[in-house]
Amino acid sequence: MTGCWNRIYITLYTIVPAKNSVKIYIPDSYYHVYNRGAGKSEIFTDHQDYNVFLHYLQKYLDKSSDHKIDGVKLLAYCLMPNHFHLFVYQENKDGLIKFMRALSTSYAMYFNLRWERSGTIFQGIYKAARIEEDSYFLHLSRYIHLNPAEVDGGWENYKYSSYKDFLGERKTTWIDPMPVLNYFKPEEGKRNLGHLTYQSFVEDSVDSGESLGELAIDYA
């Protein structure tokens, strides 16, 4: 099993072109959105920081929130000490940019106030890759959920990702995993790549050491 973990860890950090800095906002589209701390510094230092970021996600995504931003939904996420990944659907061309502006600004203001610092906390503006192929769409949530491969306790039990929502072990009102989980209905046939459940789709890739390199992020 150790060899499999090593292969996943390596492929997660394969460098790809930084073209996702240039964003094209198209209605009715899915995006892989990500960013990291300036100078590779941590943006989440303890449980409070993680929970505050999650609070802002809820604030701008939950239907019951007075601050909900229309035109955007979150399918999956993972927060790591110095970066984050979001799997986002936007209904109109303004949804994603409004959501990310509010989220990034709110969290940066909180972080600077709490830690008595100033200036940007992120490595420039977030990156967003539009998902145009079914294969990318299906594998993206798996890539996101496997990010904590080296974290104590393992990615399966990681607190700050949406994996438990995908397994039905947790119900977060501002997460919508169904566009991905619908691939694993029996009638979908080949679209689920031979996997009957989302859990087997993720776990079998770990056991086989399947490469996720095509989804890796440019962190140079």
C-alpha atoms as a PDB file:
ATOM      1  CA  MET A   1       0.000   0.000   0.000  1.00  0.00           C
ATOM      2  CA  THR A   2       2.898   2.397   0.720  1.00  0.00           C
ATOM      3  CA  GLY A   3       3.932   2.382  -2.915  1.00  0.00           C
ATOM      4  CA  CYS A   4       0.417   3.353  -3.964  1.00  0.00           C
ATOM      5  CA  TRP A   5       0.410   6.291  -1.564  1.00  0.00           C
ATOM      6  CA  ASN A   6       3.736   7.475  -2.933  1.00  0.00           C
ATOM      7  CA  ARG A   7       2.493   7.357  -6.506  1.00  0.00           C
ATOM      8  CA  ILE A   8      -0.610   9.364  -5.617  1.00  0.00           C
ATOM      9  CA  TYR A   9       1.454  11.927  -3.718  1.00  0.00           C
ATOM     10  CA  ILE A  10       3.792  12.399  -6.662  1.00  0.00           C
ATOM     11  CA  THR A  11       1.083  12.750  -9.280  1.00  0.00           C
ATOM     12  CA  LEU A  12      -0.839  15.260  -7.169  1.00  0.00           C
ATOM     13  CA  TYR A  13       2.034  17.716  -7.558  1.00  0.00           C
ATOM     14  CA  THR A  14       2.959  17.236 -11.181  1.00  0.00           C
ATOM     15  CA  ILE A  15       3.409  20.642 -12.809  1.00  0.00           C
ATOM     16  CA  VAL A  16       1.083  21.699 -15.615  1.00  0.00           C
ATOM     17  CA  PRO A  17       0.887  25.010 -17.494  1.00  0.00           C
ATOM     18  CA  ALA A  18      -0.373  28.029 -15.567  1.00  0.00           C
ATOM     19  CA  LYS A  19      -2.972  28.836 -18.220  1.00  0.00           C
ATOM     20  CA  ASN A  20      -5.759  28.682 -15.641  1.00  0.00           C
ATOM     21  CA  SER A  21      -4.739  32.120 -14.446  1.00  0.00           C
ATOM     22  CA  VAL A  22      -6.632  33.376 -17.494  1.00  0.00           C
ATOM     23  CA  LYS A  23     -10.284  32.685 -16.785  1.00  0.00           C
ATOM     24  CA  ILE A  24     -13.172  32.509 -19.226  1.00  0.00           C
ATOM     25  CA  TYR A  25     -16.514  32.798 -17.480  1.00  0.00           C
ATOM     26  CA  ILE A  26     -19.162  30.841 -19.355  1.00  0.00           C
ATOM     27  CA  PRO A  27     -22.729  30.252 -18.111  1.00  0.00           C
ATOM     28  CA  ASP A  28     -23.847  26.708 -17.308  1.00  0.00           C
ATOM     29  CA  SER A  29     -20.282  25.494 -16.790  1.00  0.00           C
ATOM     30  CA  TYR A  30     -18.228  23.575 -14.237  1.00  0.00           C
ATOM     31  CA  TYR A  31     -14.884  24.818 -12.918  1.00  0.00           C
ATOM     32  CA  HIS A  32     -11.975  23.555 -10.872  1.00  0.00           C
ATOM     33  CA  VAL A  33     -11.053  26.556  -8.689  1.00  0.00           C
ATOM     34  CA  TYR A  34      -7.915  26.624  -6.568  1.00  0.00           C
ATOM     35  CA  ASN A  35      -5.399  28.881  -4.882  1.00  0.00           C
ATOM     36  CA  ARG A  36      -2.582  28.706  -2.356  1.00  0.00           C
ATOM     37  CA  GLY A  37      -0.915  30.888   0.223  1.00  0.00           C
ATOM     38  CA  ALA A  38       1.471  33.644  -0.858  1.00  0.00           C
ATOM     39  CA  GLY A  39       5.006  32.340  -0.900  1.00  0.00           C
ATOM     40  CA  LYS A  40       3.642  28.842  -0.186  1.00  0.00           C
ATOM     41  CA  SER A  41       2.739  29.988   3.327  1.00  0.00           C
ATOM     42  CA  GLU A  42      -0.081  28.423   5.311  1.00  0.00           C
ATOM     43  CA  ILE A  43      -3.554  29.903   4.980  1.00  0.00           C
ATOM     44  CA  PHE A  44      -5.041  27.492   7.531  1.00  0.00           C
ATOM     45  CA  THR A  45      -3.025  27.227  10.724  1.00  0.00           C
ATOM     46  CA  ASP A  46      -5.489  25.507  13.055  1.00  0.00           C
ATOM     47  CA  HIS A  47      -9.055  24.236  13.347  1.00  0.00           C
ATOM     48  CA  GLN A  48     -10.449  27.737  13.793  1.00  0.00           C
ATOM     49  CA  ASP A  49      -9.053  28.910  10.459  1.00  0.00           C
ATOM     50  CA  TYR A  50     -10.512  25.909   8.627  1.00  0.00           C
ATOM     51  CA  ASN A  51     -13.881  26.376  10.288  1.00  0.00           C
ATOM     52  CA  VAL A  52     -14.017  30.080   9.496  1.00  0.00           C
ATOM     53  CA  PHE A  53     -13.362  29.355   5.801  1.00  0.00           C
ATOM     54  CA  LEU A  54     -16.141  26.745   5.898  1.00  0.00           C
ATOM     55  CA  HIS A  55     -18.371  29.327   7.562  1.00  0.00           C
ATOM     56  CA  TYR A  56     -17.836  31.678   4.647  1.00  0.00           C
ATOM     57  CA  LEU A  57     -18.572  28.893   2.180  1.00  0.00           C
ATOM     58  CA  GLN A  58     -21.874  28.331   3.958  1.00  0.00           C
ATOM     59  CA  LYS A  59     -22.572  32.058   4.127  1.00  0.00           C
ATOM     60  CA  TYR A  60     -22.295  32.507   0.358  1.00  0.00           C
ATOM     61  CA  LEU A  61     -23.710  29.144  -0.756  1.00  0.00           C
ATOM     62  CA  ASP A  62     -26.461  28.043   1.613  1.00  0.00           C
ATOM     63  CA  LYS A  63     -29.961  28.667   0.311  1.00  0.00           C
ATOM     64  CA  SER A  64     -31.102  29.845   3.735  1.00  0.00           C
ATOM     65  CA  SER A  65     -28.392  32.499   4.006  1.00  0.00           C
ATOM     66  CA  ASP A  66     -29.228  36.168   3.526  1.00  0.00           C
ATOM     67  CA  HIS A  67     -25.813  36.557   1.873  1.00  0.00           C
ATOM     68  CA  LYS A  68     -26.163  33.740  -0.646  1.00  0.00           C
ATOM     69  CA  ILE A  69     -24.628  34.522  -4.023  1.00  0.00           C
ATOM     70  CA  ASP A  70     -26.917  33.487  -6.844  1.00  0.00           C
ATOM     71  CA  GLY A  71     -25.773  31.498  -9.817  1.00  0.00           C
ATOM     72  CA  VAL A  72     -23.143  29.280  -8.202  1.00  0.00           C
ATOM     73  CA  LYS A  73     -23.125  25.823  -6.567  1.00  0.00           C
ATOM     74  CA  LEU A  74     -20.355  23.833  -4.883  1.00  0.00           C
ATOM     75  CA  LEU A  75     -20.007  20.141  -5.718  1.00  0.00           C
ATOM     76  CA  ALA A  76     -16.829  19.263  -3.792  1.00  0.00           C
ATOM     77  CA  TYR A  77     -13.998  20.841  -1.826  1.00  0.00           C
ATOM     78  CA  CYS A  78     -10.788  20.169   0.054  1.00  0.00           C
ATOM     79  CA  LEU A  79      -8.893  22.577   2.310  1.00  0.00           C
ATOM     80  CA  MET A  80      -5.192  21.914   2.882  1.00  0.00           C
ATOM     81  CA  PRO A  81      -2.789  23.887   5.103  1.00  0.00           C
ATOM     82  CA  ASN A  82      -1.460  26.065   2.268  1.00  0.00           C
ATOM     83  CA  HIS A  83      -4.041  25.675  -0.511  1.00  0.00           C
ATOM     84  CA  PHE A  84      -7.642  24.797  -1.346  1.00  0.00           C
ATOM     85  CA  HIS A  85      -9.630  23.148  -4.128  1.00  0.00           C
ATOM     86  CA  LEU A  86     -13.239  23.860  -5.078  1.00  0.00           C
ATOM     87  CA  PHE A  87     -15.393  22.072  -7.672  1.00  0.00           C
ATOM     88  CA  VAL A  88     -17.883  24.749  -8.740  1.00  0.00           C
ATOM     89  CA  TYR A  89     -20.840  25.025 -11.073  1.00  0.00           C
ATOM     90  CA  GLN A  90     -21.909  28.447 -12.263  1.00  0.00           C
ATOM     91  CA  GLU A  91     -25.269  29.130 -13.834  1.00  0.00           C
ATOM     92  CA  ASN A  92     -24.427  32.588 -15.169  1.00  0.00           C
ATOM     93  CA  LYS A  93     -21.227  34.332 -16.204  1.00  0.00           C
ATOM     94  CA  ASP A  94     -21.018  36.443 -13.048  1.00  0.00           C
ATOM     95  CA  GLY A  95     -21.679  33.810 -10.382  1.00  0.00           C
ATOM     96  CA  LEU A  96     -18.166  32.449  -9.959  1.00  0.00           C
ATOM     97  CA  ILE A  97     -16.328  35.757  -9.916  1.00  0.00           C
ATOM     98  CA  LYS A  98     -18.766  37.253  -7.380  1.00  0.00           C
ATOM     99  CA  PHE A  99     -18.503  34.183  -5.187  1.00  0.00           C
ATOM    100  CA  MET A 100     -14.709  34.008  -5.237  1.00  0.00           C
ATOM    101  CA  ARG A 101     -14.326  37.752  -4.678  1.00  0.00           C
ATOM    102  CA  ALA A 102     -16.561  37.588  -1.603  1.00  0.00           C
ATOM    103  CA  LEU A 103     -14.983  34.388  -0.267  1.00  0.00           C
ATOM    104  CA  SER A 104     -11.367  35.479  -0.772  1.00  0.00           C
ATOM    105  CA  THR A 105     -11.881  38.981   0.610  1.00  0.00           C
ATOM    106  CA  SER A 106     -13.826  37.842   3.679  1.00  0.00           C
ATOM    107  CA  TYR A 107     -11.336  35.169   4.616  1.00  0.00           C
ATOM    108  CA  ALA A 108      -8.274  37.370   4.017  1.00  0.00           C
ATOM    109  CA  MET A 109      -9.730  40.091   6.245  1.00  0.00           C
ATOM    110  CA  TYR A 110     -10.411  37.570   8.998  1.00  0.00           C
ATOM    111  CA  PHE A 111      -6.950  35.962   8.694  1.00  0.00           C
ATOM    112  CA  ASN A 112      -5.070  39.269   8.768  1.00  0.00           C
ATOM    113  CA  LEU A 113      -7.054  40.521  11.735  1.00  0.00           C
ATOM    114  CA  ARG A 114      -6.626  37.345  13.718  1.00  0.00           C
ATOM    115  CA  TRP A 115      -2.899  37.008  13.104  1.00  0.00           C
ATOM    116  CA  GLU A 116      -2.164  40.747  13.202  1.00  0.00           C
ATOM    117  CA  ARG A 117      -0.744  40.934   9.709  1.00  0.00           C
ATOM    118  CA  SER A 118      -1.491  42.872   6.531  1.00  0.00           C
ATOM    119  CA  GLY A 119      -1.430  42.423   2.783  1.00  0.00           C
ATOM    120  CA  THR A 120      -2.493  39.561   0.583  1.00  0.00           C
ATOM    121  CA  ILE A 121      -2.551  36.042   1.940  1.00  0.00           C
ATOM    122  CA  PHE A 122      -3.032  34.313  -1.424  1.00  0.00           C
ATOM    123  CA  GLN A 123      -0.633  33.629  -4.295  1.00  0.00           C
ATOM    124  CA  GLY A 124      -2.279  36.151  -6.602  1.00  0.00           C
ATOM    125  CA  ILE A 125      -5.787  35.740  -7.955  1.00  0.00           C
ATOM    126  CA  TYR A 126      -7.318  32.281  -7.820  1.00  0.00           C
ATOM    127  CA  LYS A 127      -7.034  29.942 -10.811  1.00  0.00           C
ATOM    128  CA  ALA A 128     -10.040  28.383 -12.510  1.00  0.00           C
ATOM    129  CA  ALA A 129     -10.005  25.571 -15.073  1.00  0.00           C
ATOM    130  CA  ARG A 130     -13.215  25.098 -17.022  1.00  0.00           C
ATOM    131  CA  ILE A 131     -14.238  21.448 -17.233  1.00  0.00           C
ATOM    132  CA  GLU A 132     -15.089  20.646 -20.812  1.00  0.00           C
ATOM    133  CA  GLU A 133     -14.763  16.840 -20.962  1.00  0.00           C
ATOM    134  CA  ASP A 134     -16.721  14.117 -19.177  1.00  0.00           C
ATOM    135  CA  SER A 135     -13.523  12.322 -18.173  1.00  0.00           C
ATOM    136  CA  TYR A 136     -12.185  15.436 -16.425  1.00  0.00           C
ATOM    137  CA  PHE A 137     -15.545  16.006 -14.743  1.00  0.00           C
ATOM    138  CA  LEU A 138     -15.677  12.488 -13.328  1.00  0.00           C
ATOM    139  CA  HIS A 139     -12.108  12.377 -12.060  1.00  0.00           C
ATOM    140  CA  LEU A 140     -11.946  15.867 -10.565  1.00  0.00           C
ATOM    141  CA  SER A 141     -13.783  15.137  -7.323  1.00  0.00           C
ATOM    142  CA  ARG A 142     -11.613  12.068  -6.815  1.00  0.00           C
ATOM    143  CA  TYR A 143      -8.481  14.139  -7.295  1.00  0.00           C
ATOM    144  CA  ILE A 144      -9.769  16.694  -4.791  1.00  0.00           C
ATOM    145  CA  HIS A 145     -10.668  14.080  -2.188  1.00  0.00           C
ATOM    146  CA  LEU A 146      -7.294  12.342  -2.480  1.00  0.00           C
ATOM    147  CA  ASN A 147      -5.363  15.530  -1.771  1.00  0.00           C
ATOM    148  CA  PRO A 148      -4.825  14.714   1.934  1.00  0.00           C
ATOM    149  CA  ALA A 149      -2.961  11.497   1.053  1.00  0.00           C
ATOM    150  CA  GLU A 150      -0.085  12.385   3.384  1.00  0.00           C
ATOM    151  CA  VAL A 151      -2.178  13.751   6.242  1.00  0.00           C
ATOM    152  CA  ASP A 152      -2.308  11.859   9.549  1.00  0.00           C
ATOM    153  CA  GLY A 153      -5.472   9.800   9.629  1.00  0.00           C
ATOM    154  CA  GLY A 154      -5.609   9.563   5.846  1.00  0.00           C
ATOM    155  CA  TRP A 155      -7.769  11.153   3.205  1.00  0.00           C
ATOM    156  CA  GLU A 156     -10.711   8.871   4.082  1.00  0.00           C
ATOM    157  CA  ASN A 157     -11.174  10.538   7.477  1.00  0.00           C
ATOM    158  CA  TYR A 158     -10.001  14.040   6.625  1.00  0.00           C
ATOM    159  CA  LYS A 159     -12.271  16.629   8.245  1.00  0.00           C
ATOM    160  CA  TYR A 160     -11.882  19.426   5.743  1.00  0.00           C
ATOM    161  CA  SER A 161     -13.080  17.832   2.523  1.00  0.00           C
ATOM    162  CA  SER A 162     -16.459  16.838   1.128  1.00  0.00           C
ATOM    163  CA  TYR A 163     -15.654  13.114   0.872  1.00  0.00           C
ATOM    164  CA  LYS A 164     -18.021  12.155   3.708  1.00  0.00           C
ATOM    165  CA  ASP A 165     -20.832  13.970   1.881  1.00  0.00           C
ATOM    166  CA  PHE A 166     -20.186  11.843  -1.177  1.00  0.00           C
ATOM    167  CA  LEU A 167     -20.465   8.685   0.924  1.00  0.00           C
ATOM    168  CA  GLY A 168     -23.714   9.826   2.517  1.00  0.00           C
ATOM    169  CA  GLU A 169     -22.135   9.864   5.978  1.00  0.00           C
ATOM    170  CA  ARG A 170     -22.649  13.612   6.307  1.00  0.00           C
ATOM    171  CA  LYS A 171     -25.203  16.026   4.887  1.00  0.00           C
ATOM    172  CA  THR A 172     -23.907  19.526   4.233  1.00  0.00           C
ATOM    173  CA  THR A 173     -26.710  21.707   2.947  1.00  0.00           C
ATOM    174  CA  TRP A 174     -24.454  23.863   0.768  1.00  0.00           C
ATOM    175  CA  ILE A 175     -22.793  20.926  -1.029  1.00  0.00           C
ATOM    176  CA  ASP A 176     -24.390  19.272  -4.064  1.00  0.00           C
ATOM    177  CA  PRO A 177     -22.537  16.036  -4.917  1.00  0.00           C
ATOM    178  CA  MET A 178     -25.336  14.640  -7.084  1.00  0.00           C
ATOM    179  CA  PRO A 179     -23.959  15.753 -10.482  1.00  0.00           C
ATOM    180  CA  VAL A 180     -21.019  13.427  -9.767  1.00  0.00           C
ATOM    181  CA  LEU A 181     -22.911  10.688  -7.911  1.00  0.00           C
ATOM    182  CA  ASN A 182     -25.414  10.417 -10.752  1.00  0.00           C
ATOM    183  CA  TYR A 183     -22.644   8.790 -12.770  1.00  0.00           C
ATOM    184  CA  PHE A 184     -22.808   5.822 -10.408  1.00  0.00           C
ATOM    185  CA  LYS A 185     -26.437   4.930 -10.896  1.00  0.00           C
ATOM    186  CA  PRO A 186     -26.833   1.420 -12.351  1.00  0.00           C
ATOM    187  CA  GLU A 187     -28.442   2.706 -15.545  1.00  0.00           C
ATOM    188  CA  GLU A 188     -25.392   4.842 -16.353  1.00  0.00           C
ATOM    189  CA  GLY A 189     -23.448   1.829 -17.611  1.00  0.00           C
ATOM    190  CA  LYS A 190     -20.021   2.732 -18.985  1.00  0.00           C
ATOM    191  CA  ARG A 191     -20.152   6.283 -17.643  1.00  0.00           C
ATOM    192  CA  ASN A 192     -19.230   4.972 -14.187  1.00  0.00           C
ATOM    193  CA  LEU A 193     -16.136   3.231 -15.596  1.00  0.00           C
ATOM    194  CA  GLY A 194     -17.226  -0.115 -14.173  1.00  0.00           C
ATOM    195  CA  HIS A 195     -17.647   1.123 -10.595  1.00  0.00           C
ATOM    196  CA  LEU A 196     -20.947   0.587  -8.819  1.00  0.00           C
ATOM    197  CA  THR A 197     -20.266   3.146  -6.111  1.00  0.00           C
ATOM    198  CA  TYR A 198     -18.352   6.380  -5.761  1.00  0.00           C
ATOM    199  CA  GLN A 199     -16.429   4.883  -2.861  1.00  0.00           C
ATOM    200  CA  SER A 200     -15.098   2.039  -4.998  1.00  0.00           C
ATOM    201  CA  PHE A 201     -14.244   4.527  -7.746  1.00  0.00           C
ATOM    202  CA  VAL A 202     -11.957   6.390  -5.343  1.00  0.00           C
ATOM    203  CA  GLU A 203     -10.579   3.516  -3.289  1.00  0.00           C
ATOM    204  CA  ASP A 204      -9.838   1.229  -6.225  1.00  0.00           C
ATOM    205  CA  SER A 205      -7.693   3.943  -7.788  1.00  0.00           C
ATOM    206  CA  VAL A 206      -5.618   4.043  -4.596  1.00  0.00           C
ATOM    207  CA  ASP A 207      -5.137   0.288  -4.553  1.00  0.00           C
ATOM    208  CA  SER A 208      -4.166   0.212  -8.232  1.00  0.00           C
ATOM    209  CA  GLY A 209      -1.909   3.285  -8.084  1.00  0.00           C
ATOM    210  CA  GLU A 210      -3.818   4.829 -10.981  1.00  0.00           C
ATOM    211  CA  SER A 211      -2.273   8.097 -12.139  1.00  0.00           C
ATOM    212  CA  LEU A 212      -4.153  11.340 -11.541  1.00  0.00           C
ATOM    213  CA  GLY A 213      -1.458  13.466 -13.164  1.00  0.00           C
ATOM    214  CA  GLU A 214      -3.691  15.053 -15.804  1.00  0.00           C
ATOM    215  CA  LEU A 215      -5.540  16.866 -13.013  1.00  0.00           C
ATOM    216  CA  ALA A 216      -2.423  18.025 -11.170  1.00  0.00           C
ATOM    217  CA  ILE A 217      -1.965  21.678 -10.268  1.00  0.00           C
ATOM    218  CA  ASP A 218       0.680  24.233 -11.145  1.00  0.00           C
ATOM    219  CA  TYR A 219       2.133  25.279  -7.795  1.00  0.00           C
ATOM    220  CA  ALA A 220       5.455  26.580  -9.186  1.00  0.00           C
END
